[in-house]
Amino acid sequence: MDLDVARIHSVLIRYARRRLPEEPAQDAVQDTWEAYLSGRFEGRSRVETYLIAILRRRIADRYREQRRFAREVPQWSRDRIDERIDARSLLERIACEFERLPSRQQWALRAVVLEHQDRDQIAEDMGVSPNNLRVLLHRGRDRLRSCA
């Protein structure tokens, strides 16, 4: 049996690269050759056909492995872990800055933004005009925005 290893290897590499990124493609081809060398080939087909069948199975295994990983690990933990850490530190900075706001701005922001109370009622309770309440809210939000 005359086996053109270089030609078959290039066929396998091309096949794998069309379906996988470079490094996993190289690994899949390496696994294919290892399976061939384990001695299970019975000669019922061409060697190239046999190797491509093995390679197809190796590629399918890699896709299944990726899907299993995708189910086990939530999407946000893979893609946005840094964003979640940044969001947590941002919330901590905002909470710290909120505590530094003048008490009237804190009161206005807490009542309007967090408790969703009626603005006219808040202005009356604070003893300010609705326009002054709007100014207090603007200044408070502006300071919180600046720390972000």
N, C-alpha and C. Protein backbone atom coordinates (compact mmCIF):
# COMPACT_ATOMS: atom_id res chain seq x y z
N MET A 1 0.85 -1.17 0.00
CA MET A 1 0.00 0.00 0.00
C MET A 1 0.89 1.23 0.00
N ASP A 2 0.69 2.11 -0.97
CA ASP A 2 1.47 3.34 -1.10
C ASP A 2 0.67 4.48 -0.49
N LEU A 3 1.15 5.05 0.60
CA LEU A 3 0.43 6.07 1.34
C LEU A 3 1.15 7.41 1.17
N ASP A 4 0.48 8.38 0.54
CA ASP A 4 1.03 9.72 0.36
C ASP A 4 0.62 10.58 1.57
N VAL A 5 1.39 10.49 2.63
CA VAL A 5 1.05 11.12 3.90
C VAL A 5 0.96 12.64 3.78
N ALA A 6 1.90 13.25 3.08
CA ALA A 6 1.91 14.71 2.96
C ALA A 6 0.65 15.20 2.25
N ARG A 7 0.26 14.55 1.18
CA ARG A 7 -0.94 14.96 0.43
C ARG A 7 -2.19 14.78 1.28
N ILE A 8 -2.30 13.62 1.94
CA ILE A 8 -3.48 13.36 2.76
C ILE A 8 -3.53 14.33 3.94
N HIS A 9 -2.39 14.61 4.52
CA HIS A 9 -2.34 15.56 5.64
C HIS A 9 -2.84 16.93 5.19
N SER A 10 -2.41 17.40 4.03
CA SER A 10 -2.87 18.71 3.55
C SER A 10 -4.38 18.69 3.28
N VAL A 11 -4.91 17.56 2.78
CA VAL A 11 -6.36 17.45 2.57
C VAL A 11 -7.09 17.54 3.91
N LEU A 12 -6.58 16.85 4.91
CA LEU A 12 -7.20 16.87 6.23
C LEU A 12 -7.15 18.26 6.86
N ILE A 13 -6.02 18.91 6.73
CA ILE A 13 -5.87 20.27 7.28
C ILE A 13 -6.87 21.22 6.62
N ARG A 14 -6.96 21.18 5.30
CA ARG A 14 -7.92 22.05 4.59
C ARG A 14 -9.34 21.77 5.05
N TYR A 15 -9.68 20.52 5.16
CA TYR A 15 -11.02 20.12 5.59
C TYR A 15 -11.31 20.67 6.99
N ALA A 16 -10.36 20.51 7.90
CA ALA A 16 -10.56 20.94 9.28
C ALA A 16 -10.60 22.46 9.40
N ARG A 17 -9.76 23.16 8.66
CA ARG A 17 -9.71 24.63 8.73
C ARG A 17 -10.99 25.27 8.24
N ARG A 18 -11.71 24.60 7.35
CA ARG A 18 -12.99 25.15 6.88
C ARG A 18 -14.05 25.07 7.96
N ARG A 19 -13.79 24.26 8.96
CA ARG A 19 -14.82 24.03 9.98
C ARG A 19 -14.41 24.48 11.38
N LEU A 20 -13.13 24.68 11.60
CA LEU A 20 -12.62 25.04 12.93
C LEU A 20 -11.57 26.14 12.81
N PRO A 21 -11.33 26.88 13.88
CA PRO A 21 -10.19 27.82 13.89
C PRO A 21 -8.87 27.06 13.76
N GLU A 22 -7.82 27.78 13.51
CA GLU A 22 -6.51 27.18 13.20
C GLU A 22 -6.03 26.15 14.21
N GLU A 23 -5.90 26.53 15.46
CA GLU A 23 -5.34 25.61 16.45
C GLU A 23 -6.21 24.38 16.69
N PRO A 24 -7.52 24.55 16.89
CA PRO A 24 -8.36 23.35 17.04
C PRO A 24 -8.35 22.47 15.78
N ALA A 25 -8.19 23.07 14.60
CA ALA A 25 -8.11 22.28 13.37
C ALA A 25 -6.86 21.42 13.38
N GLN A 26 -5.75 22.01 13.77
CA GLN A 26 -4.49 21.25 13.87
C GLN A 26 -4.64 20.10 14.87
N ASP A 27 -5.26 20.40 16.01
CA ASP A 27 -5.45 19.36 17.04
C ASP A 27 -6.34 18.23 16.52
N ALA A 28 -7.40 18.58 15.81
CA ALA A 28 -8.32 17.55 15.30
C ALA A 28 -7.61 16.65 14.29
N VAL A 29 -6.76 17.24 13.44
CA VAL A 29 -6.02 16.44 12.47
C VAL A 29 -5.03 15.53 13.19
N GLN A 30 -4.37 16.06 14.21
CA GLN A 30 -3.44 15.25 14.99
C GLN A 30 -4.16 14.07 15.64
N ASP A 31 -5.34 14.34 16.20
CA ASP A 31 -6.14 13.27 16.80
C ASP A 31 -6.54 12.22 15.75
N THR A 32 -6.81 12.69 14.54
CA THR A 32 -7.19 11.79 13.45
C THR A 32 -6.04 10.84 13.12
N TRP A 33 -4.84 11.39 12.99
CA TRP A 33 -3.68 10.54 12.70
C TRP A 33 -3.44 9.55 13.84
N GLU A 34 -3.60 9.98 15.08
CA GLU A 34 -3.41 9.07 16.22
C GLU A 34 -4.41 7.92 16.16
N ALA A 35 -5.65 8.24 15.80
CA ALA A 35 -6.67 7.20 15.70
C ALA A 35 -6.31 6.21 14.59
N TYR A 36 -5.80 6.73 13.47
CA TYR A 36 -5.41 5.86 12.35
C TYR A 36 -4.26 4.95 12.77
N LEU A 37 -3.31 5.50 13.48
CA LEU A 37 -2.14 4.72 13.87
C LEU A 37 -2.44 3.70 14.97
N SER A 38 -3.61 3.83 15.58
CA SER A 38 -3.96 2.85 16.62
C SER A 38 -4.24 1.47 16.03
N GLY A 39 -4.36 1.40 14.70
CA GLY A 39 -4.44 0.11 14.04
C GLY A 39 -5.83 -0.44 13.80
N ARG A 40 -6.87 0.38 13.77
CA ARG A 40 -8.22 -0.12 13.56
C ARG A 40 -8.63 -0.16 12.09
N PHE A 41 -7.82 0.40 11.21
CA PHE A 41 -8.17 0.44 9.79
C PHE A 41 -8.20 -0.97 9.23
N GLU A 42 -9.34 -1.33 8.61
CA GLU A 42 -9.53 -2.68 8.09
C GLU A 42 -9.37 -2.79 6.59
N GLY A 43 -9.15 -1.68 5.90
CA GLY A 43 -8.93 -1.72 4.47
C GLY A 43 -10.20 -1.81 3.64
N ARG A 44 -11.37 -1.57 4.22
CA ARG A 44 -12.61 -1.66 3.47
C ARG A 44 -12.90 -0.40 2.67
N SER A 45 -12.07 0.62 2.81
CA SER A 45 -12.21 1.85 2.04
C SER A 45 -10.81 2.41 1.78
N ARG A 46 -10.78 3.52 1.05
CA ARG A 46 -9.50 4.18 0.85
C ARG A 46 -9.06 4.80 2.18
N VAL A 47 -7.77 4.92 2.38
CA VAL A 47 -7.24 5.49 3.62
C VAL A 47 -7.72 6.92 3.79
N GLU A 48 -7.70 7.68 2.71
CA GLU A 48 -8.13 9.08 2.77
C GLU A 48 -9.59 9.17 3.22
N THR A 49 -10.45 8.35 2.69
CA THR A 49 -11.87 8.34 3.07
C THR A 49 -12.02 8.00 4.54
N TYR A 50 -11.28 7.01 4.99
CA TYR A 50 -11.31 6.59 6.38
C TYR A 50 -10.87 7.74 7.30
N LEU A 51 -9.78 8.42 6.93
CA LEU A 51 -9.26 9.51 7.75
C LEU A 51 -10.23 10.69 7.80
N ILE A 52 -10.87 10.99 6.68
CA ILE A 52 -11.83 12.09 6.67
C ILE A 52 -13.03 11.75 7.55
N ALA A 53 -13.45 10.51 7.54
CA ALA A 53 -14.56 10.09 8.42
C ALA A 53 -14.17 10.27 9.89
N ILE A 54 -12.95 9.89 10.23
CA ILE A 54 -12.48 10.08 11.60
C ILE A 54 -12.45 11.57 11.94
N LEU A 55 -11.92 12.37 11.01
CA LEU A 55 -11.81 13.81 11.23
C LEU A 55 -13.20 14.43 11.43
N ARG A 56 -14.17 14.02 10.62
CA ARG A 56 -15.54 14.52 10.77
C ARG A 56 -16.05 14.26 12.18
N ARG A 57 -15.78 13.07 12.69
CA ARG A 57 -16.22 12.74 14.05
C ARG A 57 -15.49 13.58 15.10
N ARG A 58 -14.22 13.81 14.88
CA ARG A 58 -13.46 14.64 15.82
C ARG A 58 -14.00 16.07 15.85
N ILE A 59 -14.32 16.60 14.68
CA ILE A 59 -14.88 17.96 14.59
C ILE A 59 -16.24 18.00 15.28
N ALA A 60 -17.07 17.00 15.04
CA ALA A 60 -18.38 16.94 15.70
C ALA A 60 -18.22 16.88 17.22
N ASP A 61 -17.23 16.12 17.67
CA ASP A 61 -16.97 16.04 19.12
C ASP A 61 -16.63 17.42 19.68
N ARG A 62 -15.83 18.17 18.95
CA ARG A 62 -15.46 19.50 19.43
C ARG A 62 -16.67 20.43 19.49
N TYR A 63 -17.55 20.35 18.49
CA TYR A 63 -18.77 21.16 18.52
C TYR A 63 -19.66 20.76 19.70
N ARG A 64 -19.79 19.47 19.93
CA ARG A 64 -20.59 19.01 21.07
C ARG A 64 -19.99 19.50 22.39
N GLU A 65 -18.68 19.47 22.48
CA GLU A 65 -18.00 19.94 23.69
C GLU A 65 -18.27 21.43 23.91
N GLN A 66 -18.23 22.20 22.84
CA GLN A 66 -18.50 23.64 22.96
C GLN A 66 -19.94 23.89 23.40
N ARG A 67 -20.88 23.13 22.83
CA ARG A 67 -22.29 23.29 23.22
C ARG A 67 -22.49 22.92 24.68
N ARG A 68 -21.86 21.85 25.13
CA ARG A 68 -21.99 21.44 26.52
C ARG A 68 -21.44 22.53 27.43
N PHE A 69 -20.31 23.09 27.06
CA PHE A 69 -19.72 24.17 27.85
C PHE A 69 -20.65 25.37 27.87
N ALA A 70 -21.27 25.67 26.74
CA ALA A 70 -22.18 26.82 26.66
C ALA A 70 -23.39 26.62 27.57
N ARG A 71 -23.85 25.38 27.72
CA ARG A 71 -24.98 25.13 28.61
C ARG A 71 -24.56 25.18 30.07
N GLU A 72 -23.36 24.75 30.39
CA GLU A 72 -22.92 24.69 31.77
C GLU A 72 -22.57 26.05 32.35
N VAL A 73 -22.01 26.93 31.53
CA VAL A 73 -21.56 28.23 32.01
C VAL A 73 -22.47 29.30 31.43
N PRO A 74 -23.14 30.07 32.28
CA PRO A 74 -24.04 31.11 31.76
C PRO A 74 -23.30 32.08 30.85
N GLN A 75 -24.01 32.60 29.88
CA GLN A 75 -23.43 33.49 28.88
C GLN A 75 -22.75 34.69 29.52
N TRP A 76 -23.40 35.31 30.51
CA TRP A 76 -22.82 36.51 31.10
C TRP A 76 -21.49 36.22 31.77
N SER A 77 -21.32 35.03 32.31
CA SER A 77 -20.07 34.76 33.00
C SER A 77 -18.92 34.58 32.03
N ARG A 78 -19.21 34.13 30.81
CA ARG A 78 -18.14 33.98 29.83
C ARG A 78 -17.83 35.31 29.15
N ASP A 79 -18.85 36.06 28.80
CA ASP A 79 -18.65 37.24 27.97
C ASP A 79 -18.55 38.54 28.73
N ARG A 80 -19.18 38.60 29.87
CA ARG A 80 -19.29 39.90 30.52
C ARG A 80 -18.83 39.93 31.96
N ILE A 81 -17.95 39.06 32.33
CA ILE A 81 -17.52 39.03 33.73
C ILE A 81 -16.82 40.34 34.10
N ASP A 82 -16.03 40.88 33.17
CA ASP A 82 -15.37 42.16 33.44
C ASP A 82 -16.39 43.28 33.56
N GLU A 83 -17.42 43.24 32.72
CA GLU A 83 -18.45 44.27 32.78
C GLU A 83 -19.19 44.21 34.11
N ARG A 84 -19.44 42.99 34.61
CA ARG A 84 -20.13 42.85 35.89
C ARG A 84 -19.26 43.40 37.03
N ILE A 85 -17.97 43.15 36.97
CA ILE A 85 -17.07 43.67 37.99
C ILE A 85 -17.04 45.18 37.92
N ASP A 86 -16.95 45.72 36.69
CA ASP A 86 -16.96 47.17 36.52
C ASP A 86 -18.27 47.77 37.01
N ALA A 87 -19.39 47.10 36.73
CA ALA A 87 -20.69 47.60 37.17
C ALA A 87 -20.78 47.62 38.69
N ARG A 88 -20.25 46.58 39.33
CA ARG A 88 -20.28 46.53 40.79
C ARG A 88 -19.45 47.67 41.38
N SER A 89 -18.27 47.92 40.84
CA SER A 89 -17.44 49.00 41.37
C SER A 89 -18.07 50.35 41.07
N LEU A 90 -18.76 50.47 39.92
CA LEU A 90 -19.46 51.71 39.60
C LEU A 90 -20.58 51.96 40.61
N LEU A 91 -21.34 50.93 40.93
CA LEU A 91 -22.41 51.08 41.93
C LEU A 91 -21.85 51.48 43.29
N GLU A 92 -20.71 50.92 43.64
CA GLU A 92 -20.09 51.29 44.92
C GLU A 92 -19.67 52.76 44.92
N ARG A 93 -19.11 53.21 43.79
CA ARG A 93 -18.70 54.63 43.70
C ARG A 93 -19.92 55.54 43.75
N ILE A 94 -21.00 55.15 43.06
CA ILE A 94 -22.21 55.97 43.07
C ILE A 94 -22.80 56.03 44.47
N ALA A 95 -22.84 54.89 45.16
CA ALA A 95 -23.38 54.88 46.53
C ALA A 95 -22.54 55.76 47.44
N CYS A 96 -21.23 55.72 47.27
CA CYS A 96 -20.34 56.55 48.08
C CYS A 96 -20.58 58.03 47.78
N GLU A 97 -20.70 58.36 46.51
CA GLU A 97 -20.95 59.75 46.11
C GLU A 97 -22.33 60.20 46.58
N PHE A 98 -23.31 59.31 46.55
CA PHE A 98 -24.66 59.65 47.01
C PHE A 98 -24.63 60.09 48.47
N GLU A 99 -23.83 59.41 49.27
CA GLU A 99 -23.73 59.76 50.69
C GLU A 99 -23.07 61.12 50.90
N ARG A 100 -22.31 61.58 49.92
CA ARG A 100 -21.63 62.89 50.02
C ARG A 100 -22.51 64.04 49.55
N LEU A 101 -23.62 63.72 48.90
CA LEU A 101 -24.51 64.78 48.41
C LEU A 101 -25.11 65.55 49.58
N PRO A 102 -25.44 66.83 49.36
CA PRO A 102 -26.16 67.58 50.40
C PRO A 102 -27.48 66.87 50.71
N SER A 103 -27.93 66.99 51.92
CA SER A 103 -29.10 66.23 52.38
C SER A 103 -30.34 66.51 51.53
N ARG A 104 -30.51 67.75 51.08
CA ARG A 104 -31.71 68.07 50.28
C ARG A 104 -31.65 67.37 48.91
N GLN A 105 -30.47 67.27 48.32
CA GLN A 105 -30.34 66.54 47.05
C GLN A 105 -30.56 65.04 47.27
N GLN A 106 -30.03 64.52 48.37
CA GLN A 106 -30.26 63.11 48.69
C GLN A 106 -31.75 62.82 48.84
N TRP A 107 -32.42 63.68 49.59
CA TRP A 107 -33.84 63.50 49.84
C TRP A 107 -34.62 63.51 48.52
N ALA A 108 -34.31 64.51 47.68
CA ALA A 108 -35.02 64.65 46.40
C ALA A 108 -34.77 63.43 45.51
N LEU A 109 -33.52 63.02 45.38
CA LEU A 109 -33.22 61.86 44.54
C LEU A 109 -33.84 60.58 45.07
N ARG A 110 -33.76 60.38 46.38
CA ARG A 110 -34.32 59.16 46.96
C ARG A 110 -35.83 59.10 46.72
N ALA A 111 -36.51 60.22 46.94
CA ALA A 111 -37.96 60.24 46.81
C ALA A 111 -38.40 60.07 45.35
N VAL A 112 -37.74 60.76 44.42
CA VAL A 112 -38.16 60.73 43.02
C VAL A 112 -37.67 59.48 42.30
N VAL A 113 -36.37 59.19 42.41
CA VAL A 113 -35.78 58.11 41.62
C VAL A 113 -36.01 56.74 42.25
N LEU A 114 -35.81 56.62 43.55
CA LEU A 114 -35.89 55.32 44.18
C LEU A 114 -37.31 54.97 44.63
N GLU A 115 -38.04 55.96 45.18
CA GLU A 115 -39.36 55.67 45.72
C GLU A 115 -40.49 56.06 44.77
N HIS A 116 -40.19 56.73 43.68
CA HIS A 116 -41.17 57.11 42.64
C HIS A 116 -42.35 57.89 43.21
N GLN A 117 -42.07 58.80 44.11
CA GLN A 117 -43.12 59.63 44.69
C GLN A 117 -43.47 60.77 43.73
N ASP A 118 -44.61 61.36 43.96
CA ASP A 118 -45.09 62.47 43.13
C ASP A 118 -44.21 63.70 43.37
N ARG A 119 -43.76 64.32 42.29
CA ARG A 119 -42.83 65.46 42.41
C ARG A 119 -43.46 66.65 43.11
N ASP A 120 -44.71 66.93 42.81
CA ASP A 120 -45.37 68.08 43.46
C ASP A 120 -45.46 67.86 44.97
N GLN A 121 -45.77 66.64 45.37
CA GLN A 121 -45.86 66.33 46.80
C GLN A 121 -44.49 66.44 47.47
N ILE A 122 -43.45 65.98 46.78
CA ILE A 122 -42.10 66.08 47.33
C ILE A 122 -41.70 67.54 47.50
N ALA A 123 -41.97 68.35 46.47
CA ALA A 123 -41.63 69.78 46.55
C ALA A 123 -42.36 70.42 47.73
N GLU A 124 -43.62 70.08 47.91
CA GLU A 124 -44.39 70.63 49.03
C GLU A 124 -43.81 70.18 50.37
N ASP A 125 -43.48 68.89 50.48
CA ASP A 125 -42.91 68.37 51.73
C ASP A 125 -41.55 69.00 52.05
N MET A 126 -40.78 69.31 51.00
CA MET A 126 -39.45 69.91 51.21
C MET A 126 -39.55 71.41 51.40
N GLY A 127 -40.70 72.01 51.06
CA GLY A 127 -40.87 73.46 51.19
C GLY A 127 -40.16 74.21 50.09
N VAL A 128 -40.10 73.61 48.89
CA VAL A 128 -39.47 74.27 47.74
C VAL A 128 -40.46 74.27 46.58
N SER A 129 -40.16 75.10 45.59
CA SER A 129 -41.02 75.12 44.40
C SER A 129 -40.69 73.92 43.52
N PRO A 130 -41.60 73.53 42.64
CA PRO A 130 -41.31 72.42 41.70
C PRO A 130 -40.06 72.69 40.85
N ASN A 131 -39.84 73.98 40.49
CA ASN A 131 -38.63 74.31 39.72
C ASN A 131 -37.38 74.10 40.55
N ASN A 132 -37.43 74.47 41.82
CA ASN A 132 -36.28 74.28 42.70
C ASN A 132 -36.00 72.79 42.89
N LEU A 133 -37.07 71.97 43.00
CA LEU A 133 -36.90 70.52 43.10
C LEU A 133 -36.20 69.99 41.85
N ARG A 134 -36.61 70.52 40.69
CA ARG A 134 -35.97 70.10 39.43
C ARG A 134 -34.49 70.43 39.45
N VAL A 135 -34.13 71.58 39.98
CA VAL A 135 -32.72 71.99 40.07
C VAL A 135 -31.97 71.06 41.03
N LEU A 136 -32.57 70.73 42.17
CA LEU A 136 -31.92 69.82 43.12
C LEU A 136 -31.69 68.44 42.49
N LEU A 137 -32.69 67.95 41.77
CA LEU A 137 -32.54 66.66 41.09
C LEU A 137 -31.44 66.71 40.03
N HIS A 138 -31.42 67.79 39.27
CA HIS A 138 -30.41 67.93 38.21
C HIS A 138 -29.02 67.95 38.81
N ARG A 139 -28.83 68.74 39.85
CA ARG A 139 -27.50 68.84 40.46
C ARG A 139 -27.06 67.51 41.09
N GLY A 140 -27.99 66.83 41.74
CA GLY A 140 -27.67 65.54 42.33
C GLY A 140 -27.30 64.50 41.27
N ARG A 141 -28.12 64.43 40.24
CA ARG A 141 -27.82 63.48 39.15
C ARG A 141 -26.49 63.82 38.47
N ASP A 142 -26.25 65.11 38.31
CA ASP A 142 -25.02 65.55 37.65
C ASP A 142 -23.79 65.11 38.46
N ARG A 143 -23.85 65.25 39.78
CA ARG A 143 -22.72 64.81 40.62
C ARG A 143 -22.54 63.30 40.57
N LEU A 144 -23.64 62.57 40.56
CA LEU A 144 -23.55 61.10 40.47
C LEU A 144 -23.00 60.67 39.12
N ARG A 145 -23.42 61.38 38.08
CA ARG A 145 -22.90 61.09 36.74
C ARG A 145 -21.39 61.36 36.64
N SER A 146 -20.96 62.41 37.31
CA SER A 146 -19.54 62.78 37.22
C SER A 146 -18.63 61.72 37.87
N CYS A 147 -19.14 60.99 38.86
CA CYS A 147 -18.30 59.96 39.48
C CYS A 147 -18.27 58.70 38.62
N ALA A 148 -19.21 58.59 37.70
CA ALA A 148 -19.22 57.42 36.81
C ALA A 148 -18.21 57.65 35.71
